[in-house]
Protein backbone atom coordinates (compact mmCIF):
# COMPACT_ATOMS: atom_id res chain seq x y z
CA LEU A 1 -43.04 -16.35 -114.54
CA THR A 2 -40.08 -16.26 -116.88
CA GLY A 3 -39.23 -12.69 -117.77
CA THR A 4 -42.61 -11.27 -118.72
CA SER A 5 -44.19 -14.63 -119.65
CA PHE A 6 -46.44 -16.68 -117.45
CA ALA A 7 -46.59 -20.45 -117.95
CA VAL A 8 -47.95 -23.54 -116.13
CA ASN A 9 -45.50 -25.14 -113.72
CA THR A 10 -45.79 -28.75 -114.93
CA ALA A 11 -44.00 -29.99 -111.81
CA ALA A 12 -47.01 -28.86 -109.74
CA ILE A 13 -49.96 -28.66 -112.16
CA GLN A 14 -51.20 -31.34 -114.50
CA ALA A 15 -53.52 -31.13 -117.48
CA ARG A 16 -56.82 -33.00 -117.40
CA VAL A 17 -56.19 -36.73 -117.83
CA GLY A 18 -57.09 -37.60 -121.37
CA GLY A 19 -55.09 -40.78 -121.86
CA SER A 20 -56.29 -44.34 -121.53
CA CYS A 21 -54.96 -47.89 -121.73
CA VAL A 22 -56.21 -50.86 -123.71
CA ALA A 23 -57.64 -53.99 -122.10
CA GLY A 24 -54.96 -55.97 -120.30
CA GLN A 25 -53.00 -52.86 -119.42
CA SER A 26 -53.10 -50.37 -116.55
CA ILE A 27 -52.04 -46.74 -116.17
CA ARG A 28 -48.54 -46.60 -114.68
CA THR A 29 -47.99 -42.83 -114.72
CA ILE A 30 -49.71 -39.71 -116.12
CA ASN A 31 -47.72 -37.07 -117.97
CA ALA A 32 -48.11 -33.35 -117.35
CA ASP A 33 -50.08 -32.99 -120.58
CA GLY A 34 -52.66 -35.57 -119.42
CA THR A 35 -51.44 -38.51 -121.51
CA ALA A 36 -51.08 -41.87 -119.84
CA VAL A 37 -48.12 -44.20 -119.71
CA CYS A 38 -49.39 -47.78 -119.76
CA GLU A 39 -48.01 -51.13 -118.63
CA VAL A 40 -49.21 -54.71 -118.92
CA ASP A 41 -51.30 -55.85 -115.95
CA ASP A 42 -49.41 -57.74 -113.29
CA GLY A 43 -51.38 -60.98 -112.86
CA ALA A 44 -50.52 -63.56 -110.19
CA THR A 45 -49.68 -67.02 -111.46
CA TYR A 46 -51.37 -69.92 -109.68
CA THR A 47 -50.45 -73.58 -109.75
CA ALA A 48 -52.68 -76.43 -108.60
CA GLY A 49 -51.05 -78.37 -105.77
CA ALA A 50 -51.21 -82.08 -105.12
CA GLY A 51 -54.71 -83.46 -105.61
CA LEU A 52 -56.10 -80.23 -107.09
CA THR A 53 -56.99 -79.03 -110.58
CA LEU A 54 -56.97 -75.44 -111.84
CA THR A 55 -59.27 -74.38 -114.65
CA GLY A 56 -58.99 -70.68 -115.40
CA THR A 57 -59.32 -69.12 -111.96
CA THR A 58 -61.15 -72.03 -110.31
CA PHE A 59 -59.53 -74.68 -108.12
CA ALA A 60 -61.28 -78.01 -107.70
CA ILE A 61 -60.79 -81.45 -106.17
CA PRO A 62 -61.17 -84.09 -108.90
CA ASN A 63 -64.21 -86.27 -108.26
CA ASN A 64 -64.43 -84.82 -104.75
CA VAL A 65 -61.59 -87.08 -103.61
CA LEU A 66 -59.45 -86.16 -100.60
CA THR A 67 -55.91 -87.49 -101.10
CA ALA A 68 -53.19 -88.11 -98.53
CA ALA A 69 -51.14 -85.25 -99.97
CA MET A 70 -53.96 -82.82 -99.15
CA HIS A 71 -54.18 -83.63 -95.44
CA THR A 72 -51.64 -83.50 -92.64
CA TYR A 73 -52.79 -86.86 -91.32
CA GLY A 74 -53.13 -88.62 -94.66
CA ALA A 75 -56.28 -90.21 -96.00
CA PRO A 76 -59.50 -90.26 -93.95
CA MET A 77 -59.67 -93.01 -91.33
CA ARG A 78 -62.66 -95.12 -90.39
CA MET A 79 -63.05 -96.09 -86.75
CA PRO A 80 -65.66 -98.76 -86.02
CA LEU A 81 -67.83 -98.35 -82.96
CA PHE A 82 -67.15 -101.37 -80.77
CA PRO A 83 -69.99 -103.80 -80.05
CA ASN A 84 -69.31 -103.96 -76.31
CA ALA A 85 -70.56 -101.50 -73.71
CA PRO A 86 -68.72 -100.58 -70.50
CA ALA A 87 -71.77 -99.30 -68.64
CA ALA A 88 -75.23 -100.72 -68.01
CA ALA A 89 -77.15 -97.58 -68.81
CA CYS A 90 -77.13 -93.84 -69.44
CA GLY A 91 -79.77 -92.63 -67.03
CA THR A 92 -82.86 -94.65 -67.84
CA ASP A 93 -81.62 -95.75 -71.28
CA ALA A 94 -80.01 -99.16 -71.46
CA ILE A 95 -76.77 -99.70 -73.37
CA GLY A 96 -76.68 -102.69 -75.67
CA GLY A 97 -73.67 -104.23 -77.32
CA ASN A 98 -74.23 -105.21 -80.94
CA GLU A 99 -72.71 -104.08 -84.23
CA PHE A 100 -76.00 -104.78 -85.97
CA GLY A 101 -79.64 -104.81 -84.99
CA SER A 102 -83.11 -103.39 -85.67
CA THR A 103 -85.32 -100.73 -84.18
CA ALA A 104 -87.64 -103.44 -82.95
CA SER A 105 -85.09 -104.30 -80.25
CA THR A 106 -82.95 -101.18 -79.93
CA THR A 107 -85.28 -98.18 -80.05
CA GLY A 108 -83.91 -95.60 -77.61
CA VAL A 109 -80.97 -97.85 -76.71
CA TYR A 110 -77.25 -97.07 -76.91
CA VAL A 111 -75.99 -99.88 -79.11
CA SER A 112 -72.27 -99.23 -79.64
CA ASN A 113 -69.47 -97.15 -78.20
CA LEU A 114 -66.05 -95.72 -79.04
CA PHE A 115 -63.38 -95.01 -76.39
CA TYR A 116 -66.03 -94.61 -73.74
CA ASN A 117 -65.72 -95.28 -70.00
CA GLU A 118 -68.09 -93.71 -67.50
CA ALA A 119 -65.92 -94.72 -64.52
CA ALA A 120 -62.77 -92.95 -65.73
CA ALA A 121 -61.73 -89.76 -67.48
CA PRO A 122 -62.83 -89.74 -71.15
CA LEU A 123 -60.06 -90.80 -73.51
CA GLY A 124 -61.41 -89.54 -76.82
CA LEU A 125 -59.32 -88.88 -79.92
CA GLY A 126 -57.68 -85.62 -78.92
CA THR A 127 -57.16 -83.03 -81.63
CA ASP A 128 -55.55 -85.12 -84.38
CA PHE A 129 -58.73 -84.95 -86.46
CA THR A 130 -60.86 -81.85 -86.79
CA ARG A 131 -63.80 -83.20 -88.81
CA ALA A 132 -65.86 -86.38 -88.74
CA ARG A 133 -68.92 -88.11 -90.14
CA LEU A 134 -71.07 -90.94 -88.84
CA GLN A 135 -71.37 -93.88 -91.25
CA VAL A 136 -73.65 -96.89 -91.08
CA GLN A 137 -75.30 -99.52 -93.24
CA CYS A 138 -79.06 -99.50 -92.95
CA ARG A 139 -82.26 -100.80 -94.47
CA GLY A 140 -85.79 -99.55 -93.96
CA GLU A 141 -87.02 -96.28 -92.50
CA GLY A 142 -85.66 -94.60 -89.37
CA ILE A 143 -83.09 -92.35 -87.76
CA ILE A 144 -79.69 -93.18 -86.29
CA GLU A 145 -78.10 -90.62 -84.00
CA LEU A 146 -74.65 -90.22 -82.45
CA PHE A 147 -74.27 -88.83 -78.94
CA ALA A 148 -71.29 -87.81 -76.82
CA GLU A 149 -71.37 -89.85 -73.62
CA CYS A 150 -74.89 -89.59 -72.20
CA GLY A 151 -75.72 -86.32 -73.91
CA THR A 152 -79.17 -85.42 -75.20
CA VAL A 153 -78.15 -83.37 -78.25
CA PRO A 154 -76.85 -85.58 -81.10
CA LEU A 155 -73.50 -84.88 -82.69
CA ALA A 156 -74.69 -86.41 -85.94
CA SER A 157 -77.82 -87.91 -87.43
CA ILE A 158 -78.57 -90.25 -90.34
CA THR A 159 -82.00 -90.73 -91.84
CA CYS A 160 -82.27 -94.15 -93.45
CA GLY A 161 -84.82 -94.38 -96.21
CA GLY A 162 -83.56 -97.07 -98.56
CA GLY A 163 -86.62 -99.27 -98.27
CA ALA A 164 -85.86 -102.97 -98.64
CA ARG A 165 -82.44 -102.48 -100.22
CA PRO A 166 -79.51 -102.09 -97.78
CA TRP A 167 -77.24 -99.15 -98.36
CA THR A 168 -74.31 -97.35 -96.73
CA THR A 169 -74.78 -93.70 -95.85
CA THR A 170 -73.02 -90.96 -93.90
CA SER A 171 -74.14 -88.05 -91.79
CA ALA A 172 -73.35 -84.40 -92.22
CA GLU A 173 -69.93 -83.28 -91.04
CA PHE A 174 -69.41 -82.57 -87.35
CA VAL A 175 -66.57 -81.75 -84.94
CA PRO A 176 -65.20 -84.90 -83.25
CA ALA A 177 -65.84 -85.14 -79.54
CA THR A 178 -62.86 -85.31 -77.23
CA ALA A 179 -64.94 -87.26 -74.74
CA GLY A 180 -66.66 -90.61 -75.23
CA TRP A 181 -69.15 -91.53 -77.92
CA ASN A 182 -72.24 -93.72 -77.94
CA LEU A 183 -74.60 -94.63 -80.73
CA ARG A 184 -78.32 -94.69 -80.06
CA VAL A 185 -80.90 -95.93 -82.56
CA ARG A 186 -84.29 -94.26 -82.66
CA ALA A 187 -87.16 -95.30 -84.90
CA THR A 188 -89.35 -92.73 -86.62
CA THR A 189 -91.80 -94.54 -88.89
CA GLY A 190 -91.75 -98.07 -90.20
CA THR A 191 -88.85 -100.35 -89.31
CA LEU A 192 -85.09 -99.99 -89.57
CA GLU A 193 -82.22 -102.43 -89.61
CA TRP A 194 -78.66 -101.18 -89.12
CA ALA A 195 -75.18 -102.66 -89.18
CA TYR A 196 -71.50 -101.74 -88.70
CA PRO A 197 -71.67 -98.17 -87.40
CA GLY A 198 -68.40 -96.25 -87.60
CA ILE A 199 -66.85 -92.80 -87.60
CA ILE A 200 -65.04 -91.34 -90.61
CA LEU A 201 -62.27 -89.07 -89.30
CA TYR A 202 -60.31 -86.56 -91.38
């Protein structure tokens, strides 16, 4: 109230918002009369780091390649499973000692090992690597499984189905065991030949 005149206190009351902003801008403030004060949108700026590409808002790894710059421990490492065995058996299953073989002679047999010793505390690989895959060359039809020590649940599994042509294949990703590892070959149908089992660590 000013004298005998009433008016809207614009410090406390605002008119209906009637303003708007064009695409790419946002409302910064609204005036008492309902008009809008606009500003350009604040968009974050992204830069692709080493080994990455950035297209629009999508990051990608070129050709699905993991580079040394993208991993604390450098490029992935392949550890072969040794062809010798420190124990005669795991329960009723014999442990062999070859880096190659066939299901005709190794069905249900542990055929290779990595840092494994039943008589002492497991050595394992510690926590340097958090992911791993089983890799092997195979020919024919069958399944190759990776077990921790004398376990019954496989850490990884590979189904070989390349027929007569040998090929190298890897399992799905799994968490590396901190105990010992053994490789056991199990036939499903047909025959299977395998060679050079190893673990890809990264």
